[in-house]
Amino acid sequence: MAQGREFTDYTSLSAGIDRVFRGLVIFAMLLEIVVFVEPAPVDVMLMLCLTLGLIWGKLKFTQITTLPLVGLAGFALFNLISMADAYDPERAVWYVFVTLYLIVSWFLFVGLMGRYGKPMVATLLYAYCAAGVISAFLGAGGYLHFLPYQDILLLNQRARGLFKDCNVYGPYFVPIVMLALVRSMGDRTLFRSKIAWLTLFFTALIGMFLSFSRACWLNCAVTLVVLFAVQQIFMSSGAAARRRLRVGAFVVVAGALCVLILINVPSVKQMLAIRVTSNGLQDYDRVRFATQDLASRAAEEHPLGIGPGQAELIFGYATHSMYMRILSENGVLALAALLVFIAITTWRALKNIRYGRDEWMREVNLVVFACIIGHLVNSLFIDTVHWRHIWFIYALPWAPMRTTLNLPRAARAAVRRRTTVWNSRLVEVE
């Protein structure tokens, strides 16, 4: 009896720790939208979750393969090496610290999903979406002047919520828009659930639009095209494909009509005229392109980089390109290492889409795959390496996922050949 009581007490304690830990993780995800100061509250919470996760054994990393680790290790190593030539060592140390922290946050998310599987993926995504709803309300409320503290919620009359920059605020909504769109297209989604997802779709779309970020809008458009293309190729066939395409097209058209209604609001129309000129460029775009030219020249002169976070100090202006920032600050090898990591992650998402058994997880990977492609386009025009939410997106394909045995014909043939050779060797031995 005593042993049974001790076992029950241990089980209750373990369940209590589990609930506390999950609550902290959810709270950390909700804080993803509060990043107007550094270190942000989410940084503190994520490091707390990592520490407790390691102490309590709540993280599992067995699903991680070698190549992403090589990519991340190379990226981190060349960041450290590039510090040798830094003009401002103090800024370089801080910049590298943030980069390493974001890499660690990727490990945290992967470890959580490795330990808890699909339920943790759902928990993280739903918390991300809930945070997005709050952020959209804050941004739209500030923009439409029915919330106070507009000096915090707006930047140059553009919505930013509690983000530091509108160009980060807007792209945060892209995964939410795509996830809501995919779920609303699902054949097995209940009607009331579809209404909830459609509400989320329009909420996130409005929040994204009011950021007035041209790169974000391009990101969303590219992501949308990739999502539809991949879905039609790998996830549907026949009548189901046509039905999903019709529903998706209807939702997208409804979203476009919502945006057209917003455009007729006088303040929106005025801002749109400022942001979208006759040639689509702003005066400062020429400065950005000139800075990127300086960055490319600096990369030629300093193959290992001018130092982390040094671009603004040396060029007098931000590079406004993830690729040019990393190339100039950390060198070509650092850029190659990061792109290897992103490529392997993207490939894993595509493999999960093609061979995954769980339909919901396949849809999540579809959204992630499309969002990464859109993000890579976005990164041509914005420094994105320190975006906290993108490291969460990079983690999602590394959740444990059962795959089917429906391999391509060539792969099945290769398996048969290996089996035949092995059997013949057994015969020879006998």
Protein backbone atom coordinates (compact mmCIF):
# COMPACT_ATOMS: atom_id res chain seq x y z
CA MET A 1 0.00 0.00 0.00
CA ALA A 2 2.81 2.39 0.87
CA GLN A 3 4.50 1.74 -2.45
CA GLY A 4 1.25 2.37 -4.31
CA ARG A 5 0.73 5.63 -2.42
CA GLU A 6 4.28 6.75 -3.22
CA PHE A 7 3.74 5.94 -6.88
CA THR A 8 0.49 7.94 -6.91
CA ASP A 9 2.18 10.88 -5.21
CA TYR A 10 5.03 10.79 -7.75
CA THR A 11 2.56 10.65 -10.64
CA SER A 12 0.61 13.61 -9.25
CA LEU A 13 3.82 15.60 -8.77
CA SER A 14 4.98 14.81 -12.32
CA ALA A 15 1.59 15.84 -13.74
CA GLY A 16 1.71 19.08 -11.74
CA ILE A 17 5.21 19.89 -13.00
CA ASP A 18 4.02 19.13 -16.54
CA ARG A 19 1.10 21.57 -16.20
CA VAL A 20 3.32 24.31 -14.79
CA PHE A 21 5.88 23.79 -17.53
CA ARG A 22 3.28 23.88 -20.30
CA GLY A 23 1.80 27.03 -18.79
CA LEU A 24 5.20 28.73 -18.85
CA VAL A 25 5.70 27.71 -22.48
CA ILE A 26 2.29 29.10 -23.47
CA PHE A 27 3.01 32.35 -21.61
CA ALA A 28 6.37 32.62 -23.40
CA MET A 29 4.65 32.22 -26.78
CA LEU A 30 2.13 34.92 -25.90
CA LEU A 31 5.05 37.24 -25.13
CA GLU A 32 6.44 36.79 -28.68
CA ILE A 33 4.59 39.99 -29.64
CA VAL A 34 6.25 42.14 -26.93
CA VAL A 35 9.63 42.94 -28.46
CA PHE A 36 9.98 46.73 -28.41
CA VAL A 37 12.78 46.45 -25.84
CA GLU A 38 15.87 44.22 -25.62
CA PRO A 39 16.19 41.88 -23.94
CA ALA A 40 12.47 41.31 -24.50
CA PRO A 41 10.26 39.61 -21.90
CA VAL A 42 9.96 36.59 -24.21
CA ASP A 43 13.74 36.14 -24.08
CA VAL A 44 13.67 35.81 -20.31
CA MET A 45 10.75 33.38 -20.41
CA LEU A 46 12.25 31.18 -23.12
CA MET A 47 15.53 30.88 -21.24
CA LEU A 48 13.58 30.01 -18.09
CA CYS A 49 11.70 27.33 -20.03
CA LEU A 50 14.97 25.98 -21.43
CA THR A 51 16.53 25.79 -17.97
CA LEU A 52 13.51 24.10 -16.40
CA GLY A 53 13.10 21.82 -19.39
CA LEU A 54 16.66 20.56 -19.03
CA ILE A 55 16.35 20.15 -15.26
CA TRP A 56 12.97 18.40 -15.39
CA GLY A 57 13.77 16.31 -18.48
CA LYS A 58 11.07 17.90 -20.63
CA LEU A 59 13.16 18.18 -23.81
CA LYS A 60 14.04 15.51 -26.36
CA PHE A 61 16.30 15.98 -29.40
CA THR A 62 16.52 12.52 -30.97
CA GLN A 63 14.73 13.63 -34.18
CA ILE A 64 17.44 16.15 -35.13
CA THR A 65 19.76 14.98 -37.92
CA THR A 66 23.39 15.92 -38.49
CA LEU A 67 23.12 18.42 -41.35
CA PRO A 68 21.07 21.12 -39.58
CA LEU A 69 23.44 20.89 -36.63
CA VAL A 70 26.41 21.38 -38.97
CA GLY A 71 24.70 24.40 -40.54
CA LEU A 72 23.88 26.01 -37.20
CA ALA A 73 27.31 25.22 -35.72
CA GLY A 74 29.01 26.73 -38.77
CA PHE A 75 26.85 29.83 -38.63
CA ALA A 76 27.58 30.31 -34.91
CA LEU A 77 31.31 29.64 -35.38
CA PHE A 78 31.76 32.17 -38.19
CA ASN A 79 29.79 34.74 -36.19
CA LEU A 80 32.34 34.33 -33.41
CA ILE A 81 35.31 34.44 -35.80
CA SER A 82 34.06 37.66 -37.43
CA MET A 83 34.25 39.43 -34.06
CA ALA A 84 38.05 39.71 -34.50
CA ASP A 85 37.77 42.72 -36.87
CA ALA A 86 34.84 44.45 -35.15
CA TYR A 87 34.98 48.25 -35.07
CA ASP A 88 32.86 48.30 -31.89
CA PRO A 89 33.63 45.14 -29.86
CA GLU A 90 30.91 45.82 -27.30
CA ARG A 91 28.19 45.96 -29.96
CA ALA A 92 29.68 42.89 -31.63
CA VAL A 93 29.48 40.89 -28.40
CA TRP A 94 25.85 41.89 -27.87
CA TYR A 95 24.90 41.11 -31.47
CA VAL A 96 26.52 37.67 -31.35
CA PHE A 97 24.84 37.00 -28.01
CA VAL A 98 21.41 37.65 -29.56
CA THR A 99 22.25 35.42 -32.55
CA LEU A 100 23.34 32.56 -30.31
CA TYR A 101 20.25 33.02 -28.14
CA LEU A 102 18.00 32.64 -31.18
CA ILE A 103 19.80 29.45 -32.20
CA VAL A 104 19.27 28.16 -28.65
CA SER A 105 15.57 29.09 -28.88
CA TRP A 106 15.35 26.84 -31.97
CA PHE A 107 16.74 23.97 -29.89
CA LEU A 108 14.16 24.71 -27.19
CA PHE A 109 11.22 24.51 -29.59
CA VAL A 110 12.59 21.36 -31.24
CA GLY A 111 13.18 19.77 -27.83
CA LEU A 112 9.65 20.58 -26.68
CA MET A 113 8.09 19.04 -29.78
CA GLY A 114 10.44 16.07 -29.56
CA ARG A 115 9.28 15.39 -26.00
CA TYR A 116 5.53 16.00 -26.39
CA GLY A 117 4.91 15.49 -30.11
CA LYS A 118 1.80 16.71 -31.91
CA PRO A 119 0.03 18.10 -28.80
CA MET A 120 2.94 20.48 -28.20
CA VAL A 121 2.95 21.52 -31.87
CA ALA A 122 -0.75 22.39 -31.53
CA THR A 123 -0.15 24.20 -28.22
CA LEU A 124 2.66 26.33 -29.65
CA LEU A 125 0.76 27.18 -32.83
CA TYR A 126 -2.47 28.07 -31.07
CA ALA A 127 -0.56 30.26 -28.60
CA TYR A 128 1.20 31.92 -31.55
CA CYS A 129 -2.19 32.59 -33.19
CA ALA A 130 -3.68 33.92 -29.93
CA ALA A 131 -0.74 36.29 -29.58
CA GLY A 132 -1.35 37.38 -33.18
CA VAL A 133 -4.99 38.24 -32.41
CA ILE A 134 -3.87 40.40 -29.47
CA SER A 135 -1.20 42.07 -31.61
CA ALA A 136 -3.65 42.75 -34.45
CA PHE A 137 -6.09 44.32 -31.98
CA LEU A 138 -3.35 46.54 -30.55
CA GLY A 139 -2.07 47.58 -33.96
CA ALA A 140 -5.48 48.23 -35.49
CA GLY A 141 -6.69 49.92 -32.29
CA GLY A 142 -3.75 52.28 -32.32
CA TYR A 143 -4.11 52.97 -36.04
CA LEU A 144 -7.84 53.68 -35.83
CA HIS A 145 -7.30 55.78 -32.67
CA PHE A 146 -9.61 53.90 -30.32
CA LEU A 147 -6.71 52.79 -28.10
CA PRO A 148 -4.36 55.08 -26.17
CA TYR A 149 -0.53 54.97 -26.22
CA GLN A 150 -0.44 55.49 -29.98
CA ASP A 151 3.17 56.65 -29.71
CA ILE A 152 3.98 53.03 -28.77
CA LEU A 153 1.49 51.19 -31.00
CA LEU A 154 2.32 53.22 -34.13
CA LEU A 155 5.53 54.15 -35.92
CA ASN A 156 5.33 56.88 -38.55
CA GLN A 157 1.56 56.35 -38.68
CA ARG A 158 2.00 52.63 -39.41
CA ALA A 159 0.75 49.89 -37.07
CA ARG A 160 3.45 48.04 -35.15
CA GLY A 161 1.71 46.88 -31.95
CA LEU A 162 4.33 46.08 -29.34
CA PHE A 163 7.02 45.27 -31.92
CA LYS A 164 10.02 47.53 -32.42
CA ASP A 165 9.47 47.79 -36.17
CA CYS A 166 6.48 47.64 -38.53
CA ASN A 167 8.54 45.45 -40.87
CA VAL A 168 8.62 42.75 -38.18
CA TYR A 169 5.05 43.29 -36.98
CA GLY A 170 3.57 42.62 -40.43
CA PRO A 171 5.41 39.37 -41.29
CA TYR A 172 4.50 37.90 -37.88
CA PHE A 173 0.95 37.52 -39.26
CA VAL A 174 1.88 35.67 -42.47
CA PRO A 175 2.02 32.17 -40.86
CA ILE A 176 -1.29 32.91 -39.11
CA VAL A 177 -2.97 33.98 -42.36
CA MET A 178 -1.76 30.82 -44.11
CA LEU A 179 -2.63 28.43 -41.29
CA ALA A 180 -6.12 29.92 -41.00
CA LEU A 181 -6.57 29.67 -44.77
CA VAL A 182 -5.50 26.01 -44.89
CA ARG A 183 -7.68 25.04 -41.94
CA SER A 184 -10.70 26.81 -43.42
CA MET A 185 -10.18 24.80 -46.64
CA GLY A 186 -10.06 21.44 -44.83
CA ASP A 187 -12.74 18.89 -45.68
CA ARG A 188 -12.78 17.52 -42.13
CA THR A 189 -12.91 20.90 -40.38
CA LEU A 190 -16.22 21.42 -38.58
CA PHE A 191 -18.37 24.35 -39.70
CA ARG A 192 -18.04 26.29 -36.46
CA SER A 193 -14.28 25.68 -36.53
CA LYS A 194 -14.17 27.04 -40.07
CA ILE A 195 -15.93 30.20 -38.88
CA ALA A 196 -13.30 30.61 -36.16
CA TRP A 197 -10.45 30.07 -38.62
CA LEU A 198 -11.98 32.52 -41.11
CA THR A 199 -12.30 35.11 -38.35
CA LEU A 200 -8.63 34.56 -37.52
CA PHE A 201 -7.75 34.85 -41.23
CA PHE A 202 -9.37 38.28 -41.59
CA THR A 203 -8.02 39.51 -38.25
CA ALA A 204 -4.44 38.59 -39.16
CA LEU A 205 -4.86 39.94 -42.70
CA ILE A 206 -5.96 43.34 -41.39
CA GLY A 207 -3.09 43.45 -38.90
CA MET A 208 -0.61 42.57 -41.64
CA PHE A 209 -2.01 45.14 -44.07
CA LEU A 210 -1.90 48.00 -41.57
CA SER A 211 1.85 47.51 -41.14
CA PHE A 212 2.19 49.06 -44.63
CA SER A 213 5.32 46.94 -45.15
CA ARG A 214 5.85 46.43 -48.88
CA ALA A 215 8.27 43.54 -48.27
CA CYS A 216 5.69 41.91 -45.99
CA TRP A 217 2.98 42.18 -48.66
CA LEU A 218 5.34 40.59 -51.18
CA ASN A 219 6.15 37.90 -48.61
CA CYS A 220 2.45 37.13 -48.21
CA ALA A 221 1.81 37.02 -51.97
CA VAL A 222 4.74 34.65 -52.61
CA THR A 223 3.75 32.46 -49.66
CA LEU A 224 0.18 32.25 -50.93
CA VAL A 225 1.25 31.18 -54.43
CA VAL A 226 3.68 28.56 -53.08
CA LEU A 227 1.08 27.24 -50.64
CA PHE A 228 -1.55 26.70 -53.36
CA ALA A 229 0.99 25.19 -55.77
CA VAL A 230 2.42 22.69 -53.27
CA GLN A 231 -1.00 21.78 -51.94
CA GLN A 232 -2.33 20.99 -55.42
CA ILE A 233 0.76 18.97 -56.33
CA PHE A 234 1.30 16.91 -53.19
CA MET A 235 -1.79 17.02 -50.98
CA SER A 236 -4.89 16.71 -53.15
CA SER A 237 -6.14 14.96 -56.24
CA GLY A 238 -9.32 14.87 -58.30
CA ALA A 239 -12.52 16.27 -56.81
CA ALA A 240 -10.91 16.99 -53.42
CA ALA A 241 -8.25 19.17 -55.07
CA ARG A 242 -10.83 21.13 -57.04
CA ARG A 243 -13.04 21.59 -53.98
CA ARG A 244 -10.16 22.87 -51.84
CA LEU A 245 -9.03 25.17 -54.60
CA ARG A 246 -12.51 26.66 -54.91
CA VAL A 247 -12.81 27.22 -51.16
CA GLY A 248 -9.31 28.71 -50.97
CA ALA A 249 -9.95 30.99 -53.93
CA PHE A 250 -13.20 32.18 -52.34
CA VAL A 251 -11.45 32.98 -49.05
CA VAL A 252 -8.62 34.82 -50.82
CA VAL A 253 -11.11 36.88 -52.88
CA ALA A 254 -13.02 37.71 -49.69
CA GLY A 255 -9.74 38.80 -48.11
CA ALA A 256 -8.98 40.98 -51.13
CA LEU A 257 -12.41 42.61 -50.83
CA CYS A 258 -11.71 43.27 -47.14
CA VAL A 259 -8.46 45.02 -48.10
CA LEU A 260 -10.30 47.06 -50.77
CA ILE A 261 -12.76 48.24 -48.14
CA LEU A 262 -9.87 49.29 -45.91
CA ILE A 263 -8.27 51.21 -48.76
CA ASN A 264 -11.30 53.52 -48.87
CA VAL A 265 -10.65 54.66 -45.30
CA PRO A 266 -9.16 58.18 -45.71
CA SER A 267 -6.15 57.62 -43.43
CA VAL A 268 -5.36 54.31 -45.14
CA LYS A 269 -5.70 55.85 -48.58
CA GLN A 270 -3.33 58.65 -47.62
CA MET A 271 -0.72 56.26 -46.19
CA LEU A 272 -1.04 53.97 -49.19
CA ALA A 273 -0.31 56.87 -51.52
CA ILE A 274 2.87 57.55 -49.54
CA ARG A 275 4.00 53.92 -49.35
CA VAL A 276 3.14 52.87 -52.92
CA THR A 277 4.39 55.56 -55.30
CA SER A 278 4.14 55.55 -59.10
CA ASN A 279 7.32 53.46 -59.41
CA GLY A 280 6.86 51.60 -56.11
CA LEU A 281 10.04 53.09 -54.59
CA GLN A 282 10.75 55.50 -51.77
CA ASP A 283 13.58 58.05 -51.67
CA TYR A 284 15.38 56.04 -48.99
CA ASP A 285 15.31 52.91 -51.20
CA ARG A 286 18.20 54.38 -53.19
CA VAL A 287 20.15 54.71 -49.94
CA ARG A 288 19.39 51.08 -49.15
CA PHE A 289 20.65 49.90 -52.53
CA ALA A 290 23.79 52.03 -52.18
CA THR A 291 24.39 50.53 -48.73
CA GLN A 292 24.02 47.02 -50.11
CA ASP A 293 26.64 47.90 -52.75
CA LEU A 294 28.99 49.01 -49.97
CA ALA A 295 28.25 45.77 -48.12
CA SER A 296 29.16 43.65 -51.15
CA ARG A 297 32.45 45.53 -51.53
CA ALA A 298 33.19 45.07 -47.84
CA ALA A 299 32.56 41.33 -48.22
CA GLU A 300 35.17 41.19 -50.99
CA GLU A 301 37.74 43.00 -48.83
CA HIS A 302 36.87 41.09 -45.62
CA PRO A 303 35.99 37.47 -46.50
CA LEU A 304 35.46 36.65 -42.81
CA GLY A 305 33.31 39.73 -42.23
CA ILE A 306 33.64 43.18 -40.71
CA GLY A 307 32.10 42.02 -37.42
CA PRO A 308 28.61 41.29 -36.05
CA GLY A 309 26.29 44.30 -35.87
CA GLN A 310 28.85 46.64 -37.46
CA ALA A 311 26.97 47.50 -40.68
CA GLU A 312 25.20 50.59 -39.34
CA LEU A 313 28.42 51.90 -37.79
CA ILE A 314 30.63 51.44 -40.86
CA PHE A 315 28.13 52.06 -43.67
CA GLY A 316 26.06 54.64 -41.81
CA TYR A 317 22.87 52.77 -42.69
CA ALA A 318 21.38 49.29 -42.26
CA THR A 319 21.82 46.88 -45.17
CA HIS A 320 18.08 46.03 -45.29
CA SER A 321 18.92 42.56 -46.55
CA MET A 322 19.59 39.48 -44.47
CA TYR A 323 21.94 38.15 -47.12
CA MET A 324 24.02 41.32 -47.43
CA ARG A 325 24.19 41.80 -43.66
CA ILE A 326 25.49 38.30 -43.01
CA LEU A 327 27.78 38.40 -46.05
CA SER A 328 29.38 41.70 -45.00
CA GLU A 329 29.39 41.20 -41.23
CA ASN A 330 30.12 37.47 -40.88
CA GLY A 331 31.49 36.42 -44.25
CA VAL A 332 30.48 34.14 -47.10
CA LEU A 333 30.98 30.95 -45.06
CA ALA A 334 28.52 32.13 -42.40
CA LEU A 335 25.93 32.89 -45.08
CA ALA A 336 26.51 29.49 -46.70
CA ALA A 337 26.13 27.73 -43.33
CA LEU A 338 22.82 29.47 -42.57
CA LEU A 339 21.48 28.74 -46.05
CA VAL A 340 22.41 25.06 -45.63
CA PHE A 341 20.41 24.96 -42.39
CA ILE A 342 17.41 26.69 -44.03
CA ALA A 343 17.61 24.42 -47.10
CA ILE A 344 17.66 21.23 -45.00
CA THR A 345 14.76 22.52 -42.88
CA THR A 346 12.74 23.40 -45.99
CA TRP A 347 13.47 20.00 -47.53
CA ARG A 348 12.33 18.28 -44.34
CA ALA A 349 9.06 20.24 -44.43
CA LEU A 350 8.50 19.17 -48.04
CA LYS A 351 9.25 15.53 -47.16
CA ASN A 352 6.75 15.73 -44.30
CA ILE A 353 4.15 17.09 -46.70
CA ARG A 354 4.70 14.26 -49.18
CA TYR A 355 5.04 11.29 -46.85
CA GLY A 356 3.41 12.27 -43.56
CA ARG A 357 0.63 10.08 -42.18
CA ASP A 358 -1.06 12.74 -40.06
CA GLU A 359 -3.11 15.14 -42.21
CA TRP A 360 -2.98 17.97 -39.66
CA MET A 361 0.80 17.77 -39.39
CA ARG A 362 1.07 17.72 -43.17
CA GLU A 363 -0.93 20.95 -43.28
CA VAL A 364 1.36 22.52 -40.68
CA ASN A 365 4.39 21.58 -42.76
CA LEU A 366 2.68 22.96 -45.86
CA VAL A 367 2.26 26.32 -44.12
CA VAL A 368 5.86 26.22 -42.87
CA PHE A 369 7.28 25.34 -46.29
CA ALA A 370 5.41 28.18 -47.99
CA CYS A 371 6.25 30.65 -45.21
CA ILE A 372 9.98 29.88 -45.40
CA ILE A 373 9.98 30.55 -49.15
CA GLY A 374 8.10 33.83 -48.59
CA HIS A 375 10.48 34.73 -45.77
CA LEU A 376 13.51 34.19 -48.00
CA VAL A 377 12.01 36.68 -50.46
CA ASN A 378 11.22 39.09 -47.61
CA SER A 379 14.84 38.80 -46.50
CA LEU A 380 16.04 40.35 -49.74
CA PHE A 381 14.75 43.70 -48.47
CA ILE A 382 14.83 43.46 -44.65
CA ASP A 383 17.38 42.30 -42.06
CA THR A 384 15.56 39.24 -40.69
CA VAL A 385 18.17 37.10 -38.97
CA HIS A 386 17.11 38.39 -35.51
CA TRP A 387 13.38 37.89 -36.02
CA ARG A 388 12.36 35.76 -33.05
CA HIS A 389 9.26 34.25 -34.62
CA ILE A 390 11.08 32.90 -37.69
CA TRP A 391 13.24 30.63 -35.52
CA PHE A 392 10.03 29.11 -34.20
CA ILE A 393 8.88 28.53 -37.80
CA TYR A 394 12.24 26.89 -38.58
CA ALA A 395 11.68 24.50 -35.66
CA LEU A 396 8.27 23.17 -36.72
CA PRO A 397 9.45 20.74 -39.46
CA TRP A 398 11.65 19.04 -36.85
CA ALA A 399 8.70 17.84 -34.81
CA PRO A 400 8.49 14.01 -34.72
CA MET A 401 6.29 12.78 -37.54
CA ARG A 402 5.38 9.32 -38.75
CA THR A 403 5.85 8.89 -42.49
CA THR A 404 4.16 6.54 -44.92
CA LEU A 405 5.76 3.70 -46.83
CA ASN A 406 4.51 5.19 -50.11
CA LEU A 407 8.00 5.93 -51.35
CA PRO A 408 8.71 6.98 -54.94
CA ARG A 409 9.06 4.16 -57.47
CA ALA A 410 12.84 4.58 -57.70
CA ALA A 411 13.16 4.34 -53.91
CA ARG A 412 11.02 1.19 -53.79
CA ALA A 413 13.13 -0.34 -56.55
CA ALA A 414 16.31 0.47 -54.62
CA VAL A 415 14.91 -1.20 -51.51
CA ARG A 416 14.00 -4.29 -53.54
CA ARG A 417 17.50 -4.43 -55.03
CA ARG A 418 19.13 -4.23 -51.61
CA THR A 419 16.77 -6.92 -50.29
CA THR A 420 17.58 -9.22 -53.24
CA VAL A 421 21.33 -8.80 -52.75
CA TRP A 422 21.00 -9.48 -49.02
CA ASN A 423 18.90 -12.62 -49.60
CA SER A 424 21.38 -13.94 -52.16
CA ARG A 425 24.20 -13.47 -49.64
CA LEU A 426 22.22 -15.43 -47.05
CA VAL A 427 21.80 -18.28 -49.54
CA GLU A 428 25.53 -18.32 -50.24
CA VAL A 429 26.29 -18.46 -46.50
CA GLU A 430 23.92 -21.35 -46.01
